[in-house]
N, C-alpha and C. Protein backbone atom coordinates (compact mmCIF):
# COMPACT_ATOMS: atom_id res chain seq x y z
N MET A 1 -10.74 43.91 -39.63
CA MET A 1 -10.39 44.92 -40.59
C MET A 1 -9.65 44.25 -41.75
N PRO A 2 -9.92 44.65 -42.97
CA PRO A 2 -9.22 44.06 -44.11
C PRO A 2 -7.71 44.31 -44.04
N GLU A 3 -6.96 43.52 -44.80
CA GLU A 3 -5.50 43.60 -44.78
C GLU A 3 -4.96 44.98 -45.17
N ASN A 4 -5.70 45.71 -46.00
CA ASN A 4 -5.20 47.01 -46.45
C ASN A 4 -5.35 48.09 -45.39
N GLY A 5 -5.88 47.74 -44.20
CA GLY A 5 -6.00 48.68 -43.09
C GLY A 5 -7.23 49.57 -43.16
N GLN A 6 -8.04 49.42 -44.18
CA GLN A 6 -9.24 50.24 -44.30
C GLN A 6 -10.44 49.44 -43.81
N SER A 7 -11.29 50.11 -43.06
CA SER A 7 -12.50 49.43 -42.61
C SER A 7 -13.51 49.38 -43.75
N ARG A 8 -14.38 48.41 -43.69
CA ARG A 8 -15.40 48.27 -44.73
C ARG A 8 -16.44 49.36 -44.55
N PRO A 9 -16.99 49.89 -45.64
CA PRO A 9 -18.00 50.92 -45.52
C PRO A 9 -19.27 50.35 -44.88
N ALA A 10 -19.95 51.20 -44.12
CA ALA A 10 -21.21 50.78 -43.49
C ALA A 10 -22.25 50.53 -44.58
N ARG A 11 -23.15 49.60 -44.30
CA ARG A 11 -24.23 49.30 -45.24
C ARG A 11 -25.10 50.54 -45.40
N ARG A 12 -25.29 50.96 -46.61
CA ARG A 12 -26.07 52.16 -46.87
C ARG A 12 -27.53 51.80 -47.11
N PRO A 13 -28.45 52.60 -46.55
CA PRO A 13 -29.86 52.34 -46.84
C PRO A 13 -30.15 52.62 -48.32
N PRO A 14 -31.11 51.91 -48.87
CA PRO A 14 -31.40 52.11 -50.29
C PRO A 14 -32.02 53.48 -50.56
N ILE A 15 -31.78 53.98 -51.75
CA ILE A 15 -32.42 55.21 -52.20
C ILE A 15 -33.87 54.87 -52.54
N LEU A 16 -34.78 55.71 -52.09
CA LEU A 16 -36.21 55.51 -52.36
C LEU A 16 -36.67 56.54 -53.40
N ALA A 17 -37.69 56.18 -54.16
CA ALA A 17 -38.34 57.17 -55.01
C ALA A 17 -38.94 58.24 -54.09
N ARG A 18 -38.97 59.47 -54.54
CA ARG A 18 -39.50 60.55 -53.69
C ARG A 18 -40.92 60.25 -53.20
N GLU A 19 -41.74 59.67 -54.06
CA GLU A 19 -43.12 59.35 -53.69
C GLU A 19 -43.15 58.34 -52.55
N GLU A 20 -42.28 57.33 -52.61
CA GLU A 20 -42.24 56.31 -51.57
C GLU A 20 -41.71 56.90 -50.26
N ALA A 21 -40.70 57.74 -50.34
CA ALA A 21 -40.19 58.39 -49.13
C ALA A 21 -41.27 59.25 -48.50
N SER A 22 -42.04 59.97 -49.31
CA SER A 22 -43.13 60.81 -48.80
C SER A 22 -44.24 59.97 -48.18
N ARG A 23 -44.56 58.84 -48.82
CA ARG A 23 -45.60 57.95 -48.29
C ARG A 23 -45.17 57.40 -46.93
N ARG A 24 -43.93 56.98 -46.81
CA ARG A 24 -43.44 56.44 -45.54
C ARG A 24 -43.42 57.53 -44.46
N ALA A 25 -43.03 58.74 -44.83
CA ALA A 25 -43.03 59.85 -43.87
C ALA A 25 -44.46 60.13 -43.39
N ALA A 26 -45.44 60.03 -44.29
CA ALA A 26 -46.84 60.25 -43.90
C ALA A 26 -47.30 59.16 -42.93
N LEU A 27 -46.89 57.92 -43.15
CA LEU A 27 -47.25 56.84 -42.22
C LEU A 27 -46.64 57.09 -40.84
N LEU A 28 -45.39 57.56 -40.83
CA LEU A 28 -44.75 57.86 -39.55
C LEU A 28 -45.41 59.06 -38.87
N THR A 29 -45.90 60.01 -39.66
CA THR A 29 -46.62 61.16 -39.10
C THR A 29 -47.92 60.71 -38.44
N ASP A 30 -48.60 59.73 -39.04
CA ASP A 30 -49.81 59.17 -38.41
C ASP A 30 -49.48 58.57 -37.05
N LEU A 31 -48.38 57.83 -36.98
CA LEU A 31 -47.97 57.24 -35.71
C LEU A 31 -47.55 58.32 -34.73
N ARG A 32 -46.88 59.35 -35.20
CA ARG A 32 -46.47 60.47 -34.34
C ARG A 32 -47.69 61.12 -33.70
N SER A 33 -48.74 61.33 -34.48
CA SER A 33 -49.97 61.93 -33.96
C SER A 33 -50.60 61.04 -32.89
N ALA A 34 -50.60 59.74 -33.13
CA ALA A 34 -51.17 58.81 -32.16
C ALA A 34 -50.33 58.78 -30.88
N LEU A 35 -49.02 58.86 -31.01
CA LEU A 35 -48.15 58.92 -29.83
C LEU A 35 -48.37 60.22 -29.06
N ALA A 36 -48.55 61.32 -29.77
CA ALA A 36 -48.79 62.62 -29.12
C ALA A 36 -50.06 62.58 -28.28
N ALA A 37 -51.08 61.87 -28.77
CA ALA A 37 -52.33 61.73 -28.01
C ALA A 37 -52.10 60.99 -26.69
N LEU A 38 -51.04 60.20 -26.63
CA LEU A 38 -50.69 59.47 -25.40
C LEU A 38 -49.67 60.24 -24.55
N GLY A 39 -49.28 61.43 -25.02
CA GLY A 39 -48.32 62.24 -24.29
C GLY A 39 -46.87 61.89 -24.55
N VAL A 40 -46.61 61.16 -25.64
CA VAL A 40 -45.26 60.75 -25.99
C VAL A 40 -44.73 61.71 -27.06
N SER A 41 -43.57 62.31 -26.80
CA SER A 41 -42.96 63.24 -27.75
C SER A 41 -42.17 62.48 -28.81
N SER A 42 -42.28 62.95 -30.04
CA SER A 42 -41.53 62.33 -31.13
C SER A 42 -41.46 63.33 -32.28
N THR A 43 -40.60 63.03 -33.24
CA THR A 43 -40.48 63.87 -34.43
C THR A 43 -40.10 63.00 -35.62
N VAL A 44 -40.63 63.36 -36.78
CA VAL A 44 -40.30 62.65 -38.02
C VAL A 44 -39.08 63.32 -38.64
N VAL A 45 -38.11 62.50 -39.02
CA VAL A 45 -36.86 62.98 -39.60
C VAL A 45 -36.72 62.40 -41.00
N GLY A 46 -36.59 63.27 -41.98
CA GLY A 46 -36.32 62.81 -43.34
C GLY A 46 -34.83 62.60 -43.51
N ASN A 47 -34.46 61.63 -44.30
CA ASN A 47 -33.05 61.35 -44.56
C ASN A 47 -32.78 61.44 -46.06
N HIS A 48 -31.64 61.96 -46.39
CA HIS A 48 -31.25 62.10 -47.78
C HIS A 48 -29.75 61.79 -47.88
N ARG A 49 -29.40 60.88 -48.74
CA ARG A 49 -27.99 60.57 -48.94
C ARG A 49 -27.47 61.45 -50.07
N LEU A 50 -26.39 62.15 -49.78
CA LEU A 50 -25.75 63.01 -50.76
C LEU A 50 -24.38 62.45 -51.07
N VAL A 51 -24.16 62.13 -52.32
CA VAL A 51 -22.88 61.58 -52.75
C VAL A 51 -22.24 62.59 -53.68
N LEU A 52 -21.04 63.02 -53.33
CA LEU A 52 -20.29 63.93 -54.18
C LEU A 52 -19.51 63.10 -55.19
N GLU A 53 -19.69 63.41 -56.43
CA GLU A 53 -19.05 62.63 -57.49
C GLU A 53 -17.81 63.35 -58.01
N GLY A 54 -16.78 62.57 -58.26
CA GLY A 54 -15.57 63.09 -58.88
C GLY A 54 -15.51 62.62 -60.31
N SER A 55 -14.61 63.20 -61.06
CA SER A 55 -14.52 62.85 -62.48
C SER A 55 -14.01 61.43 -62.70
N SER A 56 -13.25 60.88 -61.73
CA SER A 56 -12.69 59.55 -61.94
C SER A 56 -13.29 58.50 -61.01
N THR A 57 -14.36 58.81 -60.34
CA THR A 57 -14.97 57.84 -59.42
C THR A 57 -16.38 57.50 -59.85
N LYS A 58 -16.76 56.29 -59.56
CA LYS A 58 -18.12 55.86 -59.82
C LYS A 58 -18.79 55.70 -58.46
N CYS A 59 -19.79 56.52 -58.19
CA CYS A 59 -20.41 56.56 -56.87
C CYS A 59 -21.87 56.12 -56.94
N ALA A 60 -22.35 55.70 -55.79
CA ALA A 60 -23.77 55.37 -55.67
C ALA A 60 -24.58 56.66 -55.84
N PRO A 61 -25.84 56.56 -56.21
CA PRO A 61 -26.64 57.76 -56.42
C PRO A 61 -27.02 58.45 -55.11
N SER A 62 -27.36 59.72 -55.24
CA SER A 62 -27.90 60.49 -54.13
C SER A 62 -29.42 60.38 -54.18
N GLY A 63 -30.07 60.63 -53.04
CA GLY A 63 -31.52 60.64 -53.02
C GLY A 63 -32.07 60.35 -51.64
N PRO A 64 -33.39 60.39 -51.50
CA PRO A 64 -34.00 60.16 -50.20
C PRO A 64 -33.87 58.71 -49.76
N THR A 65 -33.67 58.52 -48.47
CA THR A 65 -33.65 57.18 -47.88
C THR A 65 -34.78 57.12 -46.85
N ASP A 66 -34.84 56.02 -46.11
CA ASP A 66 -35.94 55.83 -45.15
C ASP A 66 -36.05 56.99 -44.16
N PRO A 67 -37.25 57.58 -44.06
CA PRO A 67 -37.47 58.55 -42.99
C PRO A 67 -37.54 57.79 -41.66
N GLN A 68 -37.36 58.50 -40.57
CA GLN A 68 -37.38 57.89 -39.25
C GLN A 68 -38.28 58.69 -38.32
N LEU A 69 -38.86 57.99 -37.34
CA LEU A 69 -39.59 58.64 -36.26
C LEU A 69 -38.73 58.48 -35.02
N HIS A 70 -38.27 59.59 -34.47
CA HIS A 70 -37.49 59.56 -33.24
C HIS A 70 -38.46 59.75 -32.08
N VAL A 71 -38.56 58.73 -31.23
CA VAL A 71 -39.47 58.73 -30.09
C VAL A 71 -38.62 59.03 -28.85
N PHE A 72 -38.96 60.13 -28.16
CA PHE A 72 -38.16 60.59 -27.03
C PHE A 72 -38.66 59.99 -25.72
N THR A 73 -37.73 59.42 -24.98
CA THR A 73 -38.03 58.82 -23.68
C THR A 73 -37.09 59.44 -22.65
N PRO A 74 -37.39 59.27 -21.37
CA PRO A 74 -36.49 59.83 -20.35
C PRO A 74 -35.05 59.31 -20.46
N ASP A 75 -34.86 58.11 -20.96
CA ASP A 75 -33.51 57.53 -21.04
C ASP A 75 -32.89 57.58 -22.42
N GLY A 76 -33.51 58.23 -23.36
CA GLY A 76 -32.92 58.29 -24.70
C GLY A 76 -33.97 58.36 -25.79
N THR A 77 -33.54 57.98 -26.96
CA THR A 77 -34.39 58.04 -28.14
C THR A 77 -34.51 56.67 -28.77
N SER A 78 -35.74 56.30 -29.12
CA SER A 78 -35.98 55.08 -29.88
C SER A 78 -36.32 55.50 -31.31
N ILE A 79 -35.87 54.73 -32.27
CA ILE A 79 -36.10 55.07 -33.67
C ILE A 79 -37.03 54.05 -34.31
N VAL A 80 -38.08 54.57 -34.95
CA VAL A 80 -39.05 53.74 -35.66
C VAL A 80 -38.96 54.09 -37.14
N THR A 81 -38.99 53.06 -37.98
CA THR A 81 -39.05 53.25 -39.43
C THR A 81 -40.26 52.48 -39.93
N THR A 82 -40.48 52.51 -41.21
CA THR A 82 -41.55 51.71 -41.81
C THR A 82 -41.11 51.22 -43.17
N ASN A 83 -41.62 50.04 -43.51
CA ASN A 83 -41.39 49.51 -44.85
C ASN A 83 -42.63 49.70 -45.71
N GLY A 84 -43.60 50.43 -45.18
CA GLY A 84 -44.85 50.67 -45.89
C GLY A 84 -45.95 49.68 -45.51
N ARG A 85 -45.59 48.62 -44.80
CA ARG A 85 -46.57 47.63 -44.36
C ARG A 85 -46.63 47.54 -42.83
N ALA A 86 -45.52 47.90 -42.17
CA ALA A 86 -45.44 47.81 -40.71
C ALA A 86 -44.53 48.90 -40.19
N TYR A 87 -44.78 49.28 -38.94
CA TYR A 87 -43.85 50.15 -38.23
C TYR A 87 -42.77 49.25 -37.65
N LEU A 88 -41.52 49.61 -37.83
CA LEU A 88 -40.40 48.76 -37.42
C LEU A 88 -39.61 49.45 -36.32
N LEU A 89 -39.49 48.77 -35.19
CA LEU A 89 -38.72 49.26 -34.06
C LEU A 89 -37.42 48.48 -33.99
N GLY A 90 -36.35 49.13 -33.58
CA GLY A 90 -35.07 48.44 -33.43
C GLY A 90 -35.25 47.18 -32.61
N GLY A 91 -34.46 46.19 -32.87
CA GLY A 91 -34.58 44.92 -32.17
C GLY A 91 -35.53 43.95 -32.86
N GLY A 92 -36.08 44.36 -34.03
CA GLY A 92 -36.89 43.44 -34.80
C GLY A 92 -38.39 43.47 -34.53
N ARG A 93 -38.83 44.30 -33.62
CA ARG A 93 -40.28 44.38 -33.36
C ARG A 93 -40.98 45.12 -34.48
N ALA A 94 -42.19 44.67 -34.84
CA ALA A 94 -42.97 45.29 -35.91
C ALA A 94 -44.41 45.46 -35.46
N PHE A 95 -45.03 46.55 -35.91
CA PHE A 95 -46.41 46.86 -35.57
C PHE A 95 -47.15 47.22 -36.84
N SER A 96 -48.38 46.76 -36.98
CA SER A 96 -49.18 47.00 -38.17
C SER A 96 -49.44 48.49 -38.38
N ILE A 97 -49.39 48.93 -39.65
CA ILE A 97 -49.72 50.31 -39.96
C ILE A 97 -51.22 50.53 -40.10
N ASP A 98 -52.00 49.45 -40.07
CA ASP A 98 -53.44 49.56 -40.26
C ASP A 98 -54.14 50.34 -39.15
N ASP A 99 -53.57 50.36 -37.95
CA ASP A 99 -54.17 51.05 -36.81
C ASP A 99 -53.08 51.79 -36.03
N PRO A 100 -52.77 53.04 -36.45
CA PRO A 100 -51.69 53.78 -35.78
C PRO A 100 -51.94 53.97 -34.27
N ALA A 101 -53.19 54.13 -33.86
CA ALA A 101 -53.49 54.31 -32.43
C ALA A 101 -53.12 53.06 -31.64
N LYS A 102 -53.46 51.91 -32.17
CA LYS A 102 -53.11 50.65 -31.50
C LYS A 102 -51.59 50.45 -31.50
N ALA A 103 -50.95 50.76 -32.62
CA ALA A 103 -49.50 50.64 -32.70
C ALA A 103 -48.84 51.59 -31.70
N ALA A 104 -49.38 52.81 -31.56
CA ALA A 104 -48.82 53.78 -30.61
C ALA A 104 -48.95 53.28 -29.19
N HIS A 105 -50.11 52.73 -28.87
CA HIS A 105 -50.33 52.21 -27.52
C HIS A 105 -49.35 51.06 -27.22
N THR A 106 -49.22 50.14 -28.16
CA THR A 106 -48.30 49.01 -27.99
C THR A 106 -46.85 49.50 -27.97
N LEU A 107 -46.53 50.40 -28.88
CA LEU A 107 -45.18 50.95 -28.95
C LEU A 107 -44.83 51.68 -27.65
N GLY A 108 -45.78 52.43 -27.12
CA GLY A 108 -45.55 53.13 -25.86
C GLY A 108 -45.19 52.18 -24.74
N ARG A 109 -45.88 51.04 -24.68
CA ARG A 109 -45.55 50.03 -23.66
C ARG A 109 -44.18 49.43 -23.90
N VAL A 110 -43.86 49.12 -25.16
CA VAL A 110 -42.57 48.51 -25.50
C VAL A 110 -41.43 49.47 -25.18
N VAL A 111 -41.57 50.74 -25.58
CA VAL A 111 -40.52 51.73 -25.32
C VAL A 111 -40.34 51.91 -23.81
N ASN A 112 -41.44 52.00 -23.08
CA ASN A 112 -41.35 52.15 -21.62
C ASN A 112 -40.69 50.92 -20.98
N ALA A 113 -40.98 49.73 -21.48
CA ALA A 113 -40.38 48.51 -20.94
C ALA A 113 -38.88 48.49 -21.23
N GLU A 114 -38.46 48.97 -22.40
CA GLU A 114 -37.03 49.00 -22.74
C GLU A 114 -36.28 50.03 -21.91
N VAL A 115 -36.98 51.10 -21.50
CA VAL A 115 -36.34 52.14 -20.69
C VAL A 115 -36.08 51.65 -19.28
N MET A 116 -36.96 50.80 -18.77
CA MET A 116 -36.84 50.33 -17.39
C MET A 116 -35.72 49.36 -17.20
């Protein structure tokens, strides 16, 4: 903790253009559909950072940030995001967006392995 007793702010995800946020949400929806075909429950969550501005403060902008796919497992939830080129799972694993069905199948195995 810094000397002034205040903790450092958490790293904030970047603000995306609305079109890019929508495109990424659509990619996650494709993966959600492929996971549903395998019997895996999930939901796409949009994120939006809201910054309240005061007259004497300079704040970061408000706007949409990375949408997430929450994949539900018996032991919890795994979160998948995308950078527009790959599906990204926590822990650094990445799956190509070119074939959502293949990514869902592989992701299903990875999520099940992490649950065990």
